[in-house]
Amino acid sequence: MNMVKIATKKEQKDFYNLWRICFEDSEAFSKWLFEKRFLPDFSTYIEQYGKVVCCMQAYPLHISVCGKIVKGAMLCGVCTEPSHRKKGLMSRLFKQTMKMLREKGFVVAVHTPAKLNSYFSFGHMPVNRCKYIKTEMIPILERKKNIFEIKKDFSLLYHCYHLFSQKYSGIVSRTMADFLLKIEDYRADGAKVIAYIVNEEVQGYAVFYVAEDSIQCAEAVAQEQQYYQELIEGICCYGQGLKLSVKLPEDVCVSLPFTEEEIVEKGVAGVLQLSELMSLIGEKKGYAIAVEDNVILENNGVFDLDGTKTEKPPDIKLNAGSMTQLLFGYHSLEELEQRGLVTIYHKEKGKKIAEYYKKQNCYIIDEY
């Protein structure tokens, strides 16, 4: 009873049914997702009396962490049938799935849960803030001459995404095939795509949904800051009088008098192979960082900057979640100290360690 299992094709319908119960996605998108995205080997579940009551999925992708490409997994569809909630099923499932992904060689896992704090106890901590540009009523705006709606040839957008993704830590580093599949995810739910084109080169693009009373932009990407404003104004031309919400990276600045901004912490990450991630980011320097992880036991120990274990007494000590934020560049060591999330035993060595883990612009653009 309550044994965690890896899915087979046979459980696909059960996963689909549970998704439809727990999430508000359209039927068209849900069908697309399970036809094109369901990967049994990366999907886990718990069943009771022959019925799937708790499940989650993962997609193997490459994640950029501080400029290093890391083997990672994007988690989604983490859900429990309503009558079986608050029984500890998800806790059991999540821990076992993280161990399974580690055994498959994955180094990090990222996801965008509805409630971030649901995963703090597993060491999955925020590594991303989004900026939302909003208005209650879109005014009349003149359509920009450089804005074009894209209905095919989405490969034209890829170079723009590739350059954009190199600016952020935590983002998926996609191949062309990955990127085109993502665009089809959006299109399956009726999304529109526009591009800002100068001299036949895509300088930015936006993917958005036009509903009866609102426009929601799920992804806006540009090579330069000034193009974001052009894209947002281009989106507005599709819905005079409607509400507007545009998701952007936190570091993007726009100046539109009819909008307001809201910054939201959104997106978490967990490290599955701490020593491997540290080896990719750092090199051996003779320091000692003590890490405590209550989910992945192999992540416990005292490590040098390159992930090798050391017998030296620790210079600093922190838990796996805080270490994740430090490695991704979401928080500096100083910020973690201010929050009481790190113990620094040797101040001078702590300062040196801090120099190796600089803050980064972090952004998780995807949910699937």
Protein backbone atom coordinates (compact mmCIF):
# COMPACT_ATOMS: atom_id res chain seq x y z
CA MET A 1 0.00 0.00 0.00
CA ASN A 2 1.23 3.51 -0.89
CA MET A 3 4.21 2.14 -2.80
CA VAL A 4 5.71 4.62 -5.29
CA LYS A 5 5.69 3.24 -8.84
CA ILE A 6 7.11 4.34 -12.17
CA ALA A 7 4.36 4.70 -14.76
CA THR A 8 3.83 2.70 -17.91
CA LYS A 9 1.76 3.61 -20.95
CA LYS A 10 -1.13 1.84 -19.21
CA GLU A 11 -1.40 4.62 -16.58
CA GLN A 12 -1.57 7.45 -19.13
CA LYS A 13 -5.37 7.73 -18.95
CA ASP A 14 -5.31 7.76 -15.14
CA PHE A 15 -2.71 10.56 -15.15
CA TYR A 16 -4.84 12.49 -17.63
CA ASN A 17 -8.00 12.09 -15.55
CA LEU A 18 -6.24 13.25 -12.38
CA TRP A 19 -4.79 16.24 -14.25
CA ARG A 20 -8.28 17.25 -15.37
CA ILE A 21 -9.53 17.03 -11.78
CA CYS A 22 -6.71 19.04 -10.25
CA PHE A 23 -5.85 21.70 -12.85
CA GLU A 24 -7.83 24.27 -14.80
CA ASP A 25 -6.22 23.77 -18.20
CA SER A 26 -8.46 23.47 -21.23
CA GLU A 27 -9.40 20.08 -22.60
CA ALA A 28 -7.56 20.88 -25.85
CA PHE A 29 -4.31 21.64 -24.05
CA SER A 30 -4.64 18.66 -21.70
CA LYS A 31 -5.15 16.26 -24.60
CA TRP A 32 -2.17 17.73 -26.44
CA LEU A 33 0.01 17.48 -23.35
CA PHE A 34 -0.70 13.80 -22.79
CA GLU A 35 -0.42 12.92 -26.46
CA LYS A 36 2.91 14.69 -26.97
CA ARG A 37 4.47 15.10 -23.54
CA PHE A 38 3.66 12.08 -21.38
CA LEU A 39 6.89 10.20 -20.64
CA PRO A 40 6.13 7.09 -18.56
CA ASP A 41 9.76 6.51 -17.52
CA PHE A 42 9.77 9.99 -15.93
CA SER A 43 6.33 9.79 -14.35
CA THR A 44 5.61 8.38 -10.89
CA TYR A 45 2.48 7.61 -8.96
CA ILE A 46 0.84 6.06 -5.91
CA GLU A 47 -2.31 4.02 -6.28
CA GLN A 48 -4.88 2.82 -3.80
CA TYR A 49 -7.28 -0.01 -4.56
CA GLY A 50 -6.16 0.01 -8.19
CA LYS A 51 -6.69 3.76 -8.68
CA VAL A 52 -4.00 6.40 -9.23
CA VAL A 53 -4.52 8.94 -6.43
CA CYS A 54 -1.24 10.84 -6.46
CA CYS A 55 1.18 11.48 -9.33
CA MET A 56 3.80 13.71 -10.88
CA GLN A 57 5.73 14.01 -14.14
CA ALA A 58 9.19 15.14 -15.21
CA TYR A 59 10.70 16.21 -18.51
CA PRO A 60 14.42 15.73 -19.16
CA LEU A 61 15.91 19.06 -20.23
CA HIS A 62 19.15 20.98 -19.93
CA ILE A 63 19.18 23.80 -17.39
CA SER A 64 21.57 26.73 -17.46
CA VAL A 65 23.04 27.37 -14.00
CA CYS A 66 25.46 30.30 -13.80
CA GLY A 67 26.32 29.82 -17.46
CA LYS A 68 26.94 26.06 -17.16
CA ILE A 69 24.66 23.61 -18.95
CA VAL A 70 23.40 21.02 -16.48
CA LYS A 71 21.39 17.83 -16.94
CA GLY A 72 18.06 18.67 -15.37
CA ALA A 73 14.38 17.84 -15.12
CA MET A 74 11.36 20.11 -15.31
CA LEU A 75 8.68 18.87 -12.90
CA CYS A 76 4.97 19.30 -13.52
CA GLY A 77 1.57 17.79 -12.81
CA VAL A 78 2.31 17.30 -9.12
CA CYS A 79 -1.16 16.50 -7.79
CA THR A 80 -3.24 14.41 -5.43
CA GLU A 81 -6.88 13.41 -5.81
CA PRO A 82 -8.84 15.76 -3.44
CA SER A 83 -10.19 13.04 -1.15
CA HIS A 84 -6.66 11.67 -0.57
CA ARG A 85 -4.94 14.93 0.34
CA LYS A 86 -3.23 15.64 3.67
CA LYS A 87 -2.33 11.98 4.16
CA GLY A 88 1.38 12.30 3.42
CA LEU A 89 1.14 10.70 -0.02
CA MET A 90 2.74 13.56 -1.93
CA SER A 91 5.59 13.81 0.54
CA ARG A 92 6.37 10.14 0.00
CA LEU A 93 5.99 10.39 -3.78
CA PHE A 94 8.11 13.53 -4.10
CA LYS A 95 11.03 12.20 -2.07
CA GLN A 96 11.13 8.92 -3.97
CA THR A 97 10.87 10.68 -7.33
CA MET A 98 13.81 12.94 -6.50
CA LYS A 99 15.87 9.87 -5.64
CA MET A 100 14.78 8.19 -8.86
CA LEU A 101 15.81 11.21 -10.94
CA ARG A 102 19.17 11.28 -9.19
CA GLU A 103 19.72 7.61 -10.02
CA LYS A 104 18.99 8.45 -13.67
CA GLY A 105 21.83 10.97 -13.58
CA PHE A 106 19.90 14.22 -13.25
CA VAL A 107 21.66 17.01 -11.39
CA VAL A 108 18.90 19.58 -10.75
CA ALA A 109 15.11 19.77 -10.82
CA VAL A 110 13.13 22.96 -11.46
CA HIS A 111 9.40 23.63 -11.37
CA THR A 112 6.74 26.31 -10.98
CA PRO A 113 4.32 25.13 -8.27
CA ALA A 114 1.14 26.96 -7.35
CA LYS A 115 2.31 27.16 -3.72
CA LEU A 116 6.05 27.59 -3.44
CA ASN A 117 6.26 26.81 0.27
CA SER A 118 4.79 23.35 -0.31
CA TYR A 119 8.27 22.24 -1.39
CA PHE A 120 10.52 24.05 1.07
CA SER A 121 10.70 21.00 3.35
CA PHE A 122 12.16 19.02 0.43
CA GLY A 123 14.94 21.57 -0.09
CA HIS A 124 13.29 23.00 -3.21
CA MET A 125 13.58 26.75 -2.75
CA PRO A 126 12.74 29.84 -4.84
CA VAL A 127 15.30 30.71 -7.51
CA ASN A 128 13.20 33.03 -9.64
CA ARG A 129 11.17 36.22 -9.50
CA CYS A 130 8.88 37.37 -12.30
CA LYS A 131 7.74 40.88 -13.08
CA TYR A 132 4.11 41.18 -14.16
CA ILE A 133 3.02 44.21 -16.17
CA LYS A 134 -0.70 44.73 -15.63
CA THR A 135 -3.57 47.03 -16.45
CA GLU A 136 -7.31 46.85 -15.83
CA MET A 137 -8.10 48.38 -19.23
CA ILE A 138 -6.00 48.44 -22.37
CA PRO A 139 -6.24 51.84 -24.09
CA ILE A 140 -6.40 52.47 -27.83
CA LEU A 141 -2.92 52.06 -29.29
CA GLU A 142 -1.63 52.36 -32.82
CA ARG A 143 -0.38 49.10 -34.29
CA LYS A 144 3.40 49.09 -34.65
CA LYS A 145 4.81 48.62 -38.15
CA ASN A 146 7.57 46.27 -36.96
CA ILE A 147 5.17 43.89 -35.17
CA PHE A 148 4.12 40.81 -37.16
CA GLU A 149 1.88 37.91 -36.17
CA ILE A 150 3.65 34.59 -36.68
CA LYS A 151 1.47 31.64 -37.65
CA LYS A 152 4.12 29.27 -38.97
CA ASP A 153 7.90 29.07 -39.35
CA PHE A 154 8.36 29.38 -35.58
CA SER A 155 11.96 28.34 -36.07
CA LEU A 156 12.60 32.01 -36.93
CA LEU A 157 12.17 32.79 -33.22
CA TYR A 158 14.71 30.29 -31.94
CA HIS A 159 17.86 32.41 -32.27
CA CYS A 160 16.21 35.15 -30.22
CA TYR A 161 15.31 32.64 -27.49
CA HIS A 162 18.80 31.15 -27.53
CA LEU A 163 20.46 34.53 -26.97
CA PHE A 164 17.90 35.41 -24.29
CA SER A 165 18.41 32.15 -22.40
CA GLN A 166 22.15 32.81 -22.08
CA LYS A 167 21.42 35.80 -19.83
CA TYR A 168 19.75 33.87 -17.01
CA SER A 169 20.49 31.23 -14.41
CA GLY A 170 17.80 28.59 -13.90
CA ILE A 171 16.37 28.82 -17.41
CA VAL A 172 15.95 25.86 -19.76
CA SER A 173 18.63 25.75 -22.47
CA ARG A 174 16.58 24.41 -25.36
CA THR A 175 17.51 22.82 -28.64
CA MET A 176 15.57 23.89 -31.70
CA ALA A 177 13.38 20.76 -31.39
CA ASP A 178 12.67 21.51 -27.70
CA PHE A 179 11.80 25.08 -28.55
CA LEU A 180 9.41 24.21 -31.37
CA LEU A 181 7.64 21.66 -29.17
CA LYS A 182 7.21 24.33 -26.51
CA ILE A 183 5.63 26.71 -29.03
CA GLU A 184 3.25 23.93 -30.05
CA ASP A 185 2.31 23.53 -26.38
CA TYR A 186 1.18 27.14 -26.39
CA ARG A 187 -0.53 26.88 -29.75
CA ALA A 188 -2.51 23.83 -28.65
CA ASP A 189 -4.32 26.13 -26.24
CA GLY A 190 -4.98 28.84 -28.82
CA ALA A 191 -2.04 31.14 -28.15
CA LYS A 192 -1.07 33.89 -30.56
CA VAL A 193 2.55 34.69 -31.37
CA ILE A 194 3.89 38.05 -32.46
CA ALA A 195 7.45 39.07 -33.30
CA TYR A 196 9.26 42.39 -33.41
CA ILE A 197 11.32 42.27 -36.61
CA VAL A 198 14.00 44.71 -37.73
CA ASN A 199 15.90 44.20 -40.98
CA GLU A 200 14.40 40.72 -41.30
CA GLU A 201 15.80 39.68 -37.91
CA VAL A 202 13.60 38.77 -34.95
CA GLN A 203 14.53 41.11 -32.11
CA GLY A 204 11.81 39.85 -29.79
CA TYR A 205 8.65 37.80 -29.62
CA ALA A 206 5.65 37.29 -27.34
CA VAL A 207 3.24 34.41 -26.80
CA PHE A 208 -0.15 35.36 -25.40
CA TYR A 209 -3.78 34.33 -24.99
CA VAL A 210 -6.77 36.53 -25.81
CA ALA A 211 -9.76 35.64 -23.63
CA GLU A 212 -13.18 37.25 -23.41
CA ASP A 213 -12.14 39.79 -20.79
CA SER A 214 -8.34 39.69 -20.69
CA ILE A 215 -5.04 39.12 -22.43
CA GLN A 216 -2.39 37.01 -20.70
CA CYS A 217 1.14 36.92 -22.04
CA ALA A 218 2.92 33.78 -20.87
CA GLU A 219 6.27 34.47 -22.53
CA ALA A 220 7.93 37.63 -23.79
CA VAL A 221 11.54 37.49 -24.99
CA ALA A 222 13.71 40.24 -26.46
CA GLN A 223 17.35 40.77 -27.34
CA GLU A 224 17.39 44.33 -25.97
CA GLN A 225 15.44 46.12 -23.23
CA GLN A 226 13.77 48.63 -25.56
CA TYR A 227 12.04 45.92 -27.55
CA TYR A 228 9.93 44.75 -24.60
CA GLN A 229 7.88 47.93 -24.67
CA GLU A 230 7.30 47.48 -28.40
CA LEU A 231 6.10 43.92 -27.80
CA ILE A 232 3.73 44.89 -24.98
CA GLU A 233 2.20 47.66 -27.08
CA GLY A 234 1.87 45.14 -29.91
CA ILE A 235 0.00 42.74 -27.61
CA CYS A 236 -2.31 45.55 -26.48
CA CYS A 237 -3.49 46.07 -30.06
CA TYR A 238 -5.31 42.74 -29.77
CA GLY A 239 -7.59 43.83 -26.94
CA GLN A 240 -8.65 47.44 -26.44
CA GLY A 241 -10.63 47.65 -23.19
CA LEU A 242 -9.47 44.25 -21.89
CA LYS A 243 -7.35 43.51 -18.83
CA LEU A 244 -3.68 42.76 -19.43
CA SER A 245 -1.03 40.66 -17.69
CA VAL A 246 2.46 40.17 -19.16
CA LYS A 247 5.09 37.97 -17.49
CA LEU A 248 8.67 39.23 -17.76
CA PRO A 249 12.05 38.65 -16.15
CA GLU A 250 12.57 40.76 -13.04
CA ASP A 251 15.39 42.79 -14.59
CA VAL A 252 13.29 44.05 -17.53
CA CYS A 253 12.21 47.71 -17.32
CA VAL A 254 9.34 49.17 -19.32
CA SER A 255 7.62 52.54 -19.09
CA LEU A 256 3.94 52.44 -20.00
CA PRO A 257 1.77 55.03 -18.21
CA PHE A 258 -1.34 52.87 -18.21
CA THR A 259 0.28 49.87 -16.50
CA GLU A 260 1.50 48.90 -13.05
CA GLU A 261 4.13 46.36 -12.02
CA GLU A 262 4.07 43.47 -9.59
CA ILE A 263 7.08 41.32 -8.72
CA VAL A 264 6.27 37.77 -7.67
CA GLU A 265 8.53 34.99 -6.42
CA LYS A 266 7.75 32.15 -8.81
CA GLY A 267 9.72 29.02 -9.56
CA VAL A 268 11.79 26.72 -7.36
CA ALA A 269 14.76 24.40 -7.77
CA GLY A 270 16.30 21.49 -5.95
CA VAL A 271 19.74 19.94 -6.33
CA LEU A 272 19.78 16.18 -6.90
CA GLN A 273 23.55 15.75 -7.21
CA LEU A 274 25.22 18.46 -5.16
CA SER A 275 28.82 17.39 -5.76
CA GLU A 276 28.25 17.26 -9.53
CA LEU A 277 26.70 20.74 -9.66
CA MET A 278 29.48 22.18 -7.50
CA SER A 279 32.10 20.60 -9.75
CA LEU A 280 30.54 22.25 -12.81
CA ILE A 281 30.42 25.70 -11.21
CA GLY A 282 33.56 25.82 -9.07
CA GLU A 283 37.07 24.48 -8.63
CA LYS A 284 38.99 23.18 -5.66
CA LYS A 285 40.22 26.05 -3.49
CA GLY A 286 40.76 24.54 -0.06
CA TYR A 287 37.47 25.69 1.51
CA ALA A 288 34.92 23.65 3.44
CA ILE A 289 31.14 24.02 3.07
CA ALA A 290 28.91 21.84 5.26
CA VAL A 291 25.54 20.96 3.72
CA GLU A 292 22.55 19.22 5.30
CA ASP A 293 19.92 17.54 3.10
CA ASN A 294 17.01 15.56 4.57
CA VAL A 295 15.87 14.17 1.19
CA ILE A 296 18.99 13.27 -0.83
CA LEU A 297 21.31 11.69 1.73
CA GLU A 298 24.28 11.75 -0.67
CA ASN A 299 24.13 15.56 -0.62
CA ASN A 300 25.12 15.60 3.06
CA GLY A 301 28.71 16.32 3.98
CA VAL A 302 31.49 18.88 3.88
CA PHE A 303 32.54 19.95 0.39
CA ASP A 304 35.19 22.05 -1.28
CA LEU A 305 34.03 24.40 -4.05
CA ASP A 306 34.47 21.70 -6.70
CA GLY A 307 32.20 19.26 -4.86
CA THR A 308 34.91 16.99 -3.52
CA LYS A 309 34.37 15.96 0.08
CA THR A 310 36.82 17.16 2.67
CA GLU A 311 37.67 16.28 6.26
CA LYS A 312 38.41 19.91 7.07
CA PRO A 313 36.22 21.62 9.69
CA PRO A 314 33.54 23.67 7.90
CA ASP A 315 34.02 27.34 7.11
CA ILE A 316 30.27 27.76 6.58
CA LYS A 317 27.20 25.57 7.12
CA LEU A 318 23.78 25.69 5.45
CA ASN A 319 20.94 23.41 4.37
CA ALA A 320 20.42 22.05 0.86
CA GLY A 321 17.74 24.59 -0.04
CA SER A 322 19.92 27.56 0.84
CA MET A 323 22.86 25.94 -0.96
CA THR A 324 20.67 25.67 -4.06
CA GLN A 325 19.89 29.39 -3.93
CA LEU A 326 23.58 30.16 -3.52
CA LEU A 327 24.65 27.94 -6.43
CA PHE A 328 21.97 29.31 -8.77
CA GLY A 329 22.99 32.85 -7.85
CA TYR A 330 19.54 33.75 -6.56
CA HIS A 331 20.85 34.82 -3.15
CA SER A 332 24.35 35.91 -2.22
CA LEU A 333 26.03 34.47 0.85
CA GLU A 334 25.55 37.84 2.55
CA GLU A 335 21.80 37.74 1.88
CA LEU A 336 21.55 34.21 3.27
CA GLU A 337 23.43 35.33 6.37
CA GLN A 338 21.05 38.27 6.83
CA ARG A 339 18.14 35.82 6.69
CA GLY A 340 19.75 33.55 9.25
CA LEU A 341 20.10 30.75 6.70
CA VAL A 342 23.84 30.17 6.93
CA THR A 343 26.29 29.78 9.78
CA ILE A 344 29.69 31.31 9.08
CA TYR A 345 32.40 29.89 11.32
CA HIS A 346 35.32 31.72 9.70
CA LYS A 347 34.53 35.26 8.54
CA GLU A 348 37.52 35.71 6.24
CA LYS A 349 37.02 32.39 4.52
CA GLY A 350 33.31 33.15 4.32
CA LYS A 351 34.13 36.34 2.42
CA LYS A 352 36.31 34.39 0.00
CA ILE A 353 33.59 31.80 -0.57
CA ALA A 354 31.11 34.61 -1.23
CA GLU A 355 33.38 35.94 -3.99
CA TYR A 356 33.02 32.66 -5.90
CA TYR A 357 29.21 32.64 -5.72
CA LYS A 358 28.10 35.89 -7.32
CA LYS A 359 24.46 36.89 -7.69
CA GLN A 360 22.94 36.15 -11.09
CA ASN A 361 19.90 37.24 -13.03
CA CYS A 362 17.62 34.24 -12.49
CA TYR A 363 14.57 33.34 -14.54
CA ILE A 364 12.49 30.21 -15.08
CA ILE A 365 10.38 31.06 -18.10
CA ASP A 366 8.60 27.70 -18.53
CA GLU A 367 6.09 25.68 -16.56
CA TYR A 368 6.23 22.55 -18.75
